[in-house]
Amino acid sequence: MNRERIGIFDSGVGGLTVVRAVNRLLPRESVIYFGDTARVPYGSKSPETVIRFALEDAEFLLEKGIKLLVVACNTASSVSLPALEDFADVPVVGVIEPGAKTASVLTANGVVGVIGTLGTIASGAYQKALKAYPGVTRVVAQPSPLLVPLVEEGWLEHRITELVLEEYTSPLVSEGIDTLVLGCTHYPLLKDTLSAVLGEGIALVDSAESTAGEVARILEREGMLSSREGGGENSFYVSDIPLKFQEIAQRFLGRAVPLVTQVEVGEQS
């Protein structure tokens, strides 16, 4: 079985920002991506259901042959990592711990903000991960549910998006944060607009970039970095093909996605 690829899954298209970050940092690596678009979103599901979905997603990728598994879904990362680590025979990386680790290094005053979906913020996963680091003295979390549809609509620099970001981040700024964790894989596409809204003095933590960095460290440590000549290849699978998937995927990756294969994984409900 081919064990040369990195497997990445998400409940939808957000995890494509992780694919992009891995491609940039590790251009020789090949990636196989699965988006569970038939069952998105995971954030509104029970932890038991999310764990079942995550195990089914992981099984699909493991059967394709991978050397490392990335859980590019904040909800799945918050509840299913222990189950996935027991299930998989390859290293498993979530998106929460790498982002928290990066924030703990960047913060100077110890006050870190987090924005994410309702489910991610309600889980307390980022808050718990951040507070585990001695350099973090306080965590201020803000649910930001309107951002995902704005990103998928392509309104990355729209005035409405600016206003929504100002509304969501103003309470965090008033609390004195000097570092902001983008706790959703859609949010890296908003970095430029966020920087303009926040101004200087607040560092942004892109969890996709942090996750790619963790992938690189593990592959190097385990002696599993690709030795192939030239660039790696990406393969894309989804459980349902939304009308705008190609458009959204192209926006997330910054280039065309020529082929997306629809597959059935687990119970499609």
Foldseek 3Di string as FASTA:
>chain_A
DAAQAEEEEEQAQLLLLLVLLLCVVFFAHEYEYEHAPLDPDPLVPDLVVLQVVVLLSVVVVVVVHYQEYEYQYLLCLLRHVVVVVVRDPHHYHYLQLLLLVVQLVPFDQQEEEEEEAPSNVVSCRNVVNNVVRPSHDYYHYFYQHVVVVCLLVVVLPPPVVLVSLLVGCVVSVVVPAQEYEHSTSSCVSNVVSNCVSVDPRHHYGRSSNSRSVVVVVVCVVVVSRDPDPGGYHYAAEYQDDDPCRQVSSCSSNVHGDDDYHHDHTDDSD
